[in-house]
N, C-alpha and C. Protein backbone atom coordinates (compact mmCIF):
# COMPACT_ATOMS: atom_id res chain seq x y z
N MET A 1 6.47 20.96 -9.21
CA MET A 1 6.94 19.94 -10.13
C MET A 1 5.96 18.76 -10.13
N LYS A 2 5.68 18.23 -11.29
CA LYS A 2 4.81 17.07 -11.42
C LYS A 2 5.65 15.87 -11.82
N LYS A 3 5.16 14.67 -11.42
CA LYS A 3 5.87 13.45 -11.76
C LYS A 3 4.89 12.43 -12.33
N ARG A 4 5.39 11.58 -13.21
CA ARG A 4 4.58 10.55 -13.84
C ARG A 4 4.52 9.30 -12.95
N VAL A 5 3.52 8.48 -13.16
CA VAL A 5 3.37 7.22 -12.43
C VAL A 5 4.61 6.36 -12.64
N LYS A 6 5.06 6.25 -13.87
CA LYS A 6 6.19 5.37 -14.18
C LYS A 6 7.52 5.86 -13.60
N ASP A 7 7.59 7.13 -13.20
CA ASP A 7 8.82 7.66 -12.60
C ASP A 7 9.13 7.02 -11.25
N SER A 8 8.11 6.54 -10.56
CA SER A 8 8.33 6.00 -9.21
C SER A 8 7.94 4.53 -9.07
N MET A 9 7.50 3.91 -10.15
CA MET A 9 7.07 2.51 -10.09
C MET A 9 8.22 1.61 -9.66
N VAL A 10 7.89 0.58 -8.87
CA VAL A 10 8.90 -0.33 -8.33
C VAL A 10 8.47 -1.77 -8.57
N GLU A 11 9.44 -2.61 -8.91
CA GLU A 11 9.23 -4.06 -8.97
C GLU A 11 10.37 -4.72 -8.20
N ILE A 12 10.01 -5.49 -7.18
CA ILE A 12 10.98 -6.16 -6.31
C ILE A 12 10.64 -7.64 -6.28
N ALA A 13 11.67 -8.50 -6.26
CA ALA A 13 11.44 -9.94 -6.18
C ALA A 13 12.12 -10.50 -4.93
N HIS A 14 11.44 -11.47 -4.31
CA HIS A 14 11.96 -12.18 -3.14
C HIS A 14 11.78 -13.67 -3.37
N ILE A 15 12.73 -14.46 -2.87
CA ILE A 15 12.56 -15.92 -2.85
C ILE A 15 12.08 -16.29 -1.46
N VAL A 16 11.01 -17.09 -1.39
CA VAL A 16 10.48 -17.52 -0.10
C VAL A 16 11.43 -18.55 0.50
N ARG A 17 11.94 -18.24 1.68
CA ARG A 17 12.92 -19.07 2.38
C ARG A 17 12.28 -19.71 3.61
N PRO A 18 12.93 -20.71 4.20
CA PRO A 18 12.36 -21.39 5.37
C PRO A 18 11.98 -20.43 6.51
N THR A 19 12.77 -19.39 6.71
CA THR A 19 12.47 -18.44 7.81
C THR A 19 11.26 -17.56 7.51
N ASP A 20 10.77 -17.59 6.25
CA ASP A 20 9.61 -16.79 5.86
C ASP A 20 8.29 -17.55 6.01
N LEU A 21 8.35 -18.82 6.43
CA LEU A 21 7.16 -19.69 6.44
C LEU A 21 6.46 -19.68 7.80
N ASN A 22 5.14 -19.86 7.74
CA ASN A 22 4.35 -20.04 8.96
C ASN A 22 4.23 -21.54 9.25
N ASN A 23 3.44 -21.90 10.25
CA ASN A 23 3.28 -23.32 10.61
C ASN A 23 2.63 -24.17 9.53
N ALA A 24 1.90 -23.52 8.63
CA ALA A 24 1.24 -24.24 7.53
C ALA A 24 2.17 -24.36 6.31
N LYS A 25 3.42 -23.96 6.48
CA LYS A 25 4.43 -24.02 5.41
C LYS A 25 4.10 -23.13 4.22
N ARG A 26 3.42 -22.01 4.53
CA ARG A 26 3.14 -20.98 3.53
C ARG A 26 3.83 -19.70 3.99
N LEU A 27 3.99 -18.76 3.06
CA LEU A 27 4.61 -17.48 3.39
C LEU A 27 3.83 -16.82 4.51
N PHE A 28 4.54 -16.46 5.57
CA PHE A 28 3.93 -15.79 6.72
C PHE A 28 3.38 -14.44 6.27
N GLY A 29 2.11 -14.18 6.60
CA GLY A 29 1.46 -12.94 6.19
C GLY A 29 2.20 -11.69 6.63
N GLY A 30 2.77 -11.73 7.83
CA GLY A 30 3.51 -10.58 8.34
C GLY A 30 4.75 -10.27 7.52
N THR A 31 5.39 -11.31 7.00
CA THR A 31 6.56 -11.10 6.13
C THR A 31 6.13 -10.42 4.84
N LEU A 32 5.04 -10.91 4.25
CA LEU A 32 4.55 -10.29 3.03
C LEU A 32 4.13 -8.84 3.29
N MET A 33 3.49 -8.60 4.44
CA MET A 33 3.09 -7.24 4.77
C MET A 33 4.30 -6.32 4.88
N SER A 34 5.39 -6.82 5.43
CA SER A 34 6.62 -6.03 5.53
C SER A 34 7.17 -5.72 4.14
N TRP A 35 7.18 -6.72 3.26
CA TRP A 35 7.65 -6.50 1.89
C TRP A 35 6.77 -5.49 1.16
N ILE A 36 5.46 -5.55 1.40
CA ILE A 36 4.52 -4.62 0.77
C ILE A 36 4.80 -3.20 1.25
N ASP A 37 4.96 -3.03 2.56
CA ASP A 37 5.22 -1.71 3.11
C ASP A 37 6.54 -1.15 2.58
N GLU A 38 7.56 -1.98 2.53
CA GLU A 38 8.86 -1.54 2.01
C GLU A 38 8.73 -1.07 0.56
N THR A 39 7.99 -1.81 -0.25
CA THR A 39 7.77 -1.43 -1.64
C THR A 39 7.05 -0.09 -1.73
N ALA A 40 6.00 0.08 -0.92
CA ALA A 40 5.26 1.34 -0.92
C ALA A 40 6.14 2.51 -0.50
N VAL A 41 7.00 2.29 0.48
CA VAL A 41 7.91 3.36 0.93
C VAL A 41 8.83 3.79 -0.21
N ILE A 42 9.36 2.83 -0.95
CA ILE A 42 10.27 3.16 -2.05
C ILE A 42 9.54 3.95 -3.13
N VAL A 43 8.33 3.52 -3.49
CA VAL A 43 7.53 4.25 -4.48
C VAL A 43 7.29 5.67 -4.00
N ALA A 44 6.85 5.80 -2.75
CA ALA A 44 6.52 7.13 -2.20
C ALA A 44 7.75 8.03 -2.13
N LYS A 45 8.89 7.49 -1.70
CA LYS A 45 10.12 8.29 -1.64
C LYS A 45 10.55 8.75 -3.03
N ARG A 46 10.44 7.86 -4.00
CA ARG A 46 10.80 8.24 -5.36
C ARG A 46 9.91 9.37 -5.87
N HIS A 47 8.62 9.27 -5.56
CA HIS A 47 7.69 10.31 -6.04
C HIS A 47 7.90 11.62 -5.28
N ALA A 48 7.91 11.53 -3.97
CA ALA A 48 7.94 12.75 -3.14
C ALA A 48 9.33 13.36 -3.03
N MET A 49 10.35 12.55 -3.22
CA MET A 49 11.74 12.99 -3.07
C MET A 49 12.01 13.51 -1.66
N MET A 50 11.45 12.80 -0.68
CA MET A 50 11.62 13.13 0.73
C MET A 50 11.30 11.89 1.55
N ASN A 51 11.56 11.96 2.84
CA ASN A 51 11.16 10.86 3.72
C ASN A 51 9.65 10.78 3.76
N VAL A 52 9.16 9.58 4.04
CA VAL A 52 7.72 9.33 4.10
C VAL A 52 7.41 8.44 5.29
N THR A 53 6.15 8.39 5.63
CA THR A 53 5.70 7.46 6.66
C THR A 53 4.39 6.82 6.22
N THR A 54 4.15 5.61 6.69
CA THR A 54 2.91 4.91 6.37
C THR A 54 1.79 5.46 7.24
N ALA A 55 0.72 5.91 6.61
CA ALA A 55 -0.43 6.44 7.34
C ALA A 55 -1.51 5.38 7.51
N SER A 56 -1.74 4.58 6.48
CA SER A 56 -2.76 3.54 6.58
C SER A 56 -2.55 2.47 5.53
N VAL A 57 -3.13 1.32 5.80
CA VAL A 57 -3.12 0.20 4.86
C VAL A 57 -4.58 -0.19 4.65
N ASP A 58 -5.00 -0.19 3.40
CA ASP A 58 -6.38 -0.54 3.05
C ASP A 58 -6.39 -1.83 2.26
N HIS A 59 -7.46 -2.54 2.42
CA HIS A 59 -7.80 -3.62 1.50
C HIS A 59 -6.64 -4.58 1.29
N LEU A 60 -6.11 -5.08 2.35
CA LEU A 60 -5.03 -6.06 2.28
C LEU A 60 -5.68 -7.42 2.13
N SER A 61 -5.73 -7.93 0.91
CA SER A 61 -6.43 -9.18 0.62
C SER A 61 -5.45 -10.28 0.27
N PHE A 62 -5.48 -11.39 1.02
CA PHE A 62 -4.67 -12.54 0.72
C PHE A 62 -5.49 -13.46 -0.18
N LEU A 63 -5.13 -13.52 -1.45
CA LEU A 63 -5.94 -14.24 -2.44
C LEU A 63 -5.48 -15.68 -2.64
N SER A 64 -4.20 -15.93 -2.50
CA SER A 64 -3.67 -17.29 -2.55
C SER A 64 -2.32 -17.30 -1.84
N ALA A 65 -1.74 -18.48 -1.71
CA ALA A 65 -0.53 -18.63 -0.88
C ALA A 65 0.73 -18.68 -1.73
N ALA A 66 1.83 -18.26 -1.10
CA ALA A 66 3.17 -18.48 -1.65
C ALA A 66 3.84 -19.51 -0.75
N ARG A 67 4.66 -20.35 -1.35
CA ARG A 67 5.28 -21.45 -0.62
C ARG A 67 6.79 -21.43 -0.77
N MET A 68 7.43 -22.32 -0.05
CA MET A 68 8.89 -22.45 -0.06
C MET A 68 9.44 -22.45 -1.48
N ARG A 69 10.45 -21.65 -1.71
CA ARG A 69 11.18 -21.51 -2.97
C ARG A 69 10.41 -20.78 -4.06
N ASP A 70 9.17 -20.34 -3.77
CA ASP A 70 8.45 -19.52 -4.76
C ASP A 70 9.17 -18.18 -4.89
N VAL A 71 9.09 -17.61 -6.08
CA VAL A 71 9.56 -16.24 -6.30
C VAL A 71 8.33 -15.35 -6.17
N VAL A 72 8.39 -14.41 -5.24
CA VAL A 72 7.31 -13.45 -5.03
C VAL A 72 7.75 -12.12 -5.64
N VAL A 73 6.97 -11.65 -6.60
CA VAL A 73 7.25 -10.38 -7.27
C VAL A 73 6.25 -9.36 -6.74
N ILE A 74 6.76 -8.23 -6.28
CA ILE A 74 5.90 -7.19 -5.72
C ILE A 74 6.06 -5.94 -6.57
N ILE A 75 4.92 -5.44 -7.05
CA ILE A 75 4.92 -4.27 -7.92
C ILE A 75 4.14 -3.15 -7.23
N GLY A 76 4.77 -2.00 -7.10
CA GLY A 76 4.14 -0.85 -6.48
C GLY A 76 4.08 0.32 -7.43
N LYS A 77 2.95 1.01 -7.42
CA LYS A 77 2.84 2.23 -8.24
C LYS A 77 1.89 3.20 -7.56
N ILE A 78 2.14 4.44 -7.79
CA ILE A 78 1.33 5.50 -7.19
C ILE A 78 0.03 5.64 -7.97
N THR A 79 -1.08 5.80 -7.24
CA THR A 79 -2.38 5.92 -7.90
C THR A 79 -3.06 7.27 -7.65
N TYR A 80 -2.63 7.95 -6.58
CA TYR A 80 -3.29 9.21 -6.20
C TYR A 80 -2.31 10.06 -5.41
N VAL A 81 -2.39 11.37 -5.61
CA VAL A 81 -1.60 12.32 -4.83
C VAL A 81 -2.52 13.42 -4.32
N GLY A 82 -2.46 13.66 -3.01
CA GLY A 82 -3.13 14.80 -2.40
C GLY A 82 -2.10 15.88 -2.15
N THR A 83 -2.32 16.68 -1.13
CA THR A 83 -1.37 17.74 -0.80
C THR A 83 -0.12 17.18 -0.13
N THR A 84 -0.32 16.36 0.91
CA THR A 84 0.81 15.79 1.65
C THR A 84 0.79 14.27 1.65
N SER A 85 -0.27 13.66 1.12
CA SER A 85 -0.37 12.20 1.14
C SER A 85 -0.51 11.65 -0.27
N MET A 86 -0.24 10.36 -0.38
CA MET A 86 -0.36 9.68 -1.66
C MET A 86 -0.79 8.24 -1.42
N GLU A 87 -1.49 7.67 -2.39
CA GLU A 87 -1.88 6.28 -2.30
C GLU A 87 -1.01 5.46 -3.23
N ILE A 88 -0.52 4.33 -2.70
CA ILE A 88 0.31 3.42 -3.47
C ILE A 88 -0.44 2.09 -3.59
N LYS A 89 -0.59 1.61 -4.81
CA LYS A 89 -1.16 0.27 -5.04
C LYS A 89 0.00 -0.70 -5.10
N VAL A 90 -0.09 -1.75 -4.30
CA VAL A 90 0.96 -2.77 -4.28
C VAL A 90 0.32 -4.12 -4.56
N GLU A 91 0.79 -4.77 -5.62
CA GLU A 91 0.31 -6.10 -5.97
C GLU A 91 1.46 -7.09 -5.84
N SER A 92 1.15 -8.25 -5.26
CA SER A 92 2.14 -9.30 -5.06
C SER A 92 1.74 -10.53 -5.87
N PHE A 93 2.72 -11.11 -6.53
CA PHE A 93 2.49 -12.26 -7.39
C PHE A 93 3.46 -13.38 -7.05
N VAL A 94 3.03 -14.62 -7.25
CA VAL A 94 3.97 -15.73 -7.31
C VAL A 94 4.31 -15.86 -8.78
N GLU A 95 5.61 -15.83 -9.08
CA GLU A 95 6.07 -15.98 -10.45
C GLU A 95 6.48 -17.44 -10.66
N HIS A 96 5.76 -18.12 -11.55
CA HIS A 96 6.03 -19.53 -11.81
C HIS A 96 7.24 -19.68 -12.74
N ILE A 97 7.75 -20.88 -12.81
CA ILE A 97 8.94 -21.19 -13.62
C ILE A 97 8.76 -20.74 -15.07
N ASN A 98 7.53 -20.87 -15.59
CA ASN A 98 7.27 -20.50 -16.99
C ASN A 98 7.11 -18.99 -17.17
N GLY A 99 7.26 -18.23 -16.09
CA GLY A 99 7.16 -16.77 -16.18
C GLY A 99 5.77 -16.22 -15.90
N GLU A 100 4.77 -17.10 -15.84
CA GLU A 100 3.41 -16.62 -15.54
C GLU A 100 3.35 -16.16 -14.10
N ARG A 101 2.53 -15.15 -13.86
CA ARG A 101 2.38 -14.60 -12.52
C ARG A 101 0.96 -14.80 -12.03
N GLU A 102 0.86 -15.25 -10.77
CA GLU A 102 -0.42 -15.47 -10.11
C GLU A 102 -0.55 -14.44 -8.99
N LEU A 103 -1.61 -13.64 -9.04
CA LEU A 103 -1.83 -12.62 -8.01
C LEU A 103 -2.10 -13.29 -6.67
N VAL A 104 -1.34 -12.91 -5.65
CA VAL A 104 -1.56 -13.46 -4.31
C VAL A 104 -2.04 -12.40 -3.32
N ASN A 105 -1.82 -11.13 -3.65
CA ASN A 105 -2.19 -10.09 -2.70
C ASN A 105 -2.28 -8.76 -3.42
N ARG A 106 -3.21 -7.94 -2.94
CA ARG A 106 -3.32 -6.55 -3.41
C ARG A 106 -3.57 -5.69 -2.18
N ALA A 107 -2.89 -4.56 -2.12
CA ALA A 107 -3.06 -3.66 -0.99
C ALA A 107 -2.95 -2.22 -1.48
N TYR A 108 -3.59 -1.33 -0.73
CA TYR A 108 -3.49 0.10 -0.99
C TYR A 108 -2.94 0.75 0.26
N ILE A 109 -1.82 1.43 0.11
CA ILE A 109 -1.10 2.03 1.24
C ILE A 109 -1.15 3.55 1.08
N THR A 110 -1.51 4.24 2.15
CA THR A 110 -1.44 5.70 2.14
C THR A 110 -0.16 6.11 2.84
N MET A 111 0.65 6.90 2.13
CA MET A 111 1.92 7.39 2.64
C MET A 111 1.85 8.92 2.74
N VAL A 112 2.57 9.46 3.72
CA VAL A 112 2.61 10.91 3.90
C VAL A 112 4.06 11.37 3.75
N GLY A 113 4.25 12.44 2.97
CA GLY A 113 5.57 13.03 2.81
C GLY A 113 5.93 13.83 4.05
N LEU A 114 7.21 13.78 4.44
CA LEU A 114 7.68 14.45 5.66
C LEU A 114 8.80 15.42 5.35
N ASP A 115 8.74 16.60 5.98
CA ASP A 115 9.84 17.55 5.85
C ASP A 115 10.97 17.18 6.81
N GLU A 116 11.98 18.02 6.89
CA GLU A 116 13.15 17.74 7.73
C GLU A 116 12.80 17.64 9.21
N ASP A 117 11.69 18.26 9.62
CA ASP A 117 11.26 18.22 11.02
C ASP A 117 10.28 17.09 11.30
N GLY A 118 10.01 16.25 10.28
CA GLY A 118 9.08 15.14 10.46
C GLY A 118 7.62 15.55 10.37
N LYS A 119 7.36 16.74 9.83
CA LYS A 119 5.99 17.23 9.67
C LYS A 119 5.51 16.97 8.24
N PRO A 120 4.19 16.78 8.05
CA PRO A 120 3.68 16.56 6.69
C PRO A 120 4.10 17.70 5.76
N ALA A 121 4.52 17.33 4.54
CA ALA A 121 5.03 18.29 3.58
C ALA A 121 4.35 18.12 2.23
N LYS A 122 4.29 19.20 1.47
CA LYS A 122 3.70 19.17 0.13
C LYS A 122 4.53 18.25 -0.77
N ILE A 123 3.82 17.43 -1.51
CA ILE A 123 4.49 16.51 -2.43
C ILE A 123 4.12 16.86 -3.87
N PRO A 124 4.95 16.43 -4.83
CA PRO A 124 4.68 16.75 -6.24
C PRO A 124 3.35 16.18 -6.72
N ASP A 125 2.71 16.91 -7.62
CA ASP A 125 1.48 16.43 -8.25
C ASP A 125 1.78 15.24 -9.15
N LEU A 126 0.73 14.56 -9.58
CA LEU A 126 0.85 13.35 -10.38
C LEU A 126 0.36 13.60 -11.80
N ILE A 127 1.15 13.19 -12.77
CA ILE A 127 0.76 13.25 -14.18
C ILE A 127 0.18 11.90 -14.55
N LEU A 128 -1.05 11.89 -15.02
CA LEU A 128 -1.72 10.66 -15.45
C LEU A 128 -1.63 10.60 -16.97
N GLU A 129 -1.05 9.52 -17.52
CA GLU A 129 -0.78 9.46 -18.95
C GLU A 129 -1.63 8.44 -19.71
N THR A 130 -2.13 7.41 -19.03
CA THR A 130 -2.85 6.35 -19.73
C THR A 130 -4.27 6.23 -19.19
N PRO A 131 -5.17 5.62 -19.96
CA PRO A 131 -6.53 5.39 -19.46
C PRO A 131 -6.52 4.56 -18.17
N GLU A 132 -5.61 3.60 -18.06
CA GLU A 132 -5.51 2.79 -16.85
C GLU A 132 -5.13 3.66 -15.64
N GLU A 133 -4.19 4.56 -15.82
CA GLU A 133 -3.79 5.46 -14.73
C GLU A 133 -4.93 6.38 -14.31
N ILE A 134 -5.68 6.86 -15.28
CA ILE A 134 -6.83 7.73 -14.99
C ILE A 134 -7.88 6.96 -14.20
N GLU A 135 -8.17 5.72 -14.63
CA GLU A 135 -9.15 4.88 -13.92
C GLU A 135 -8.69 4.56 -12.51
N GLU A 136 -7.41 4.20 -12.36
CA GLU A 136 -6.84 3.92 -11.02
C GLU A 136 -6.98 5.15 -10.13
N ASN A 137 -6.73 6.32 -10.70
CA ASN A 137 -6.82 7.57 -9.93
C ASN A 137 -8.25 7.83 -9.47
N GLU A 138 -9.22 7.57 -10.33
CA GLU A 138 -10.63 7.75 -9.96
C GLU A 138 -11.02 6.79 -8.83
N GLN A 139 -10.58 5.54 -8.95
CA GLN A 139 -10.86 4.56 -7.90
C GLN A 139 -10.17 4.97 -6.59
N ALA A 140 -8.96 5.50 -6.69
CA ALA A 140 -8.23 5.96 -5.50
C ALA A 140 -8.97 7.12 -4.82
N LYS A 141 -9.54 8.01 -5.60
CA LYS A 141 -10.32 9.12 -5.02
C LYS A 141 -11.52 8.57 -4.24
N ASN A 142 -12.16 7.54 -4.78
CA ASN A 142 -13.29 6.91 -4.08
C ASN A 142 -12.83 6.26 -2.78
N ARG A 143 -11.67 5.55 -2.82
CA ARG A 143 -11.14 4.94 -1.60
C ARG A 143 -10.79 6.01 -0.57
N ARG A 144 -10.24 7.12 -1.01
CA ARG A 144 -9.88 8.21 -0.10
C ARG A 144 -11.13 8.76 0.58
N LYS A 145 -12.18 8.94 -0.20
CA LYS A 145 -13.45 9.43 0.35
C LYS A 145 -13.97 8.46 1.42
N LEU A 146 -13.93 7.16 1.13
CA LEU A 146 -14.37 6.15 2.10
C LEU A 146 -13.50 6.15 3.35
N ARG A 147 -12.17 6.26 3.18
CA ARG A 147 -11.27 6.32 4.34
C ARG A 147 -11.63 7.50 5.23
N ASN A 148 -11.90 8.65 4.61
CA ASN A 148 -12.26 9.84 5.39
C ASN A 148 -13.58 9.66 6.11
N GLU A 149 -14.55 9.03 5.46
CA GLU A 149 -15.84 8.77 6.11
C GLU A 149 -15.67 7.82 7.29
N ILE A 150 -14.87 6.77 7.11
CA ILE A 150 -14.62 5.81 8.19
C ILE A 150 -13.90 6.50 9.34
N ARG A 151 -12.92 7.34 9.02
CA ARG A 151 -12.19 8.07 10.06
C ARG A 151 -13.14 8.98 10.84
N ASP A 152 -14.06 9.66 10.13
CA ASP A 152 -15.01 10.53 10.80
C ASP A 152 -15.92 9.73 11.74
N VAL A 153 -16.39 8.58 11.29
CA VAL A 153 -17.23 7.73 12.13
C VAL A 153 -16.43 7.21 13.32
N SER A 154 -15.21 6.81 13.10
CA SER A 154 -14.36 6.29 14.18
C SER A 154 -14.10 7.36 15.23
N SER A 155 -13.90 8.59 14.81
CA SER A 155 -13.62 9.65 15.79
C SER A 155 -14.85 9.93 16.64
N VAL A 156 -16.04 9.80 16.07
CA VAL A 156 -17.26 9.98 16.86
C VAL A 156 -17.40 8.81 17.83
N THR A 157 -17.15 7.60 17.37
CA THR A 157 -17.25 6.42 18.22
C THR A 157 -16.29 6.50 19.39
N ARG A 158 -15.06 6.95 19.14
CA ARG A 158 -14.06 7.03 20.21
C ARG A 158 -14.44 8.07 21.27
N SER A 159 -15.22 9.07 20.87
CA SER A 159 -15.54 10.13 21.83
C SER A 159 -16.78 9.81 22.68
N VAL A 160 -17.47 8.72 22.37
CA VAL A 160 -18.65 8.33 23.14
C VAL A 160 -18.20 7.55 24.38
N PRO A 161 -18.48 8.09 25.57
CA PRO A 161 -18.07 7.35 26.76
C PRO A 161 -18.92 6.09 26.96
N LEU A 162 -18.28 5.03 27.36
CA LEU A 162 -18.99 3.79 27.64
C LEU A 162 -19.42 3.76 29.09
N SER A 163 -20.61 3.31 29.33
CA SER A 163 -21.08 3.13 30.70
C SER A 163 -21.47 1.67 30.88
N ARG A 164 -21.67 1.28 32.11
CA ARG A 164 -22.09 -0.10 32.38
C ARG A 164 -23.44 -0.39 31.74
N ASP A 165 -24.30 0.63 31.64
CA ASP A 165 -25.61 0.42 31.02
C ASP A 165 -25.47 0.06 29.56
N VAL A 166 -24.52 0.70 28.86
CA VAL A 166 -24.33 0.42 27.45
C VAL A 166 -23.74 -0.97 27.26
N ILE A 167 -22.81 -1.35 28.10
CA ILE A 167 -22.14 -2.64 27.98
C ILE A 167 -23.07 -3.79 28.34
N ALA A 168 -23.93 -3.60 29.35
CA ALA A 168 -24.78 -4.70 29.87
C ALA A 168 -25.82 -5.14 28.91
């Protein structure tokens, strides 16, 4: 079964409250990260129709701040589907009183579909309907390739034993 991008798209709004603020009186980054992950999980569950888990977070960029009483709108949509994993683009905005939205954060989350035993499971393919969706998918393929290259380099680095000679 294939699913469209719009079938799983999510838009969630939060009001920034005093408990969400850091010492600089701006939205605490960890709170926003939690909201982003929650949004990505909902998108992934809607698409995969199964439980999911977060595999990685890429390119989490804080572009501007949200403050007390701001409305933060978080939009998540699927950009790529592999066999058992999918990439979710999550954008966060401050929505001003006049309805205009200012981008405050963009992140790409890789989610993995899980079967009843908690093992990676095949997820539905993605139907791309618009030029924007096709472009997002191409960019997602490039990010996936980079993630795999970084993972390969990291695994080699982790297997190299450190000695006092190397550290000194």
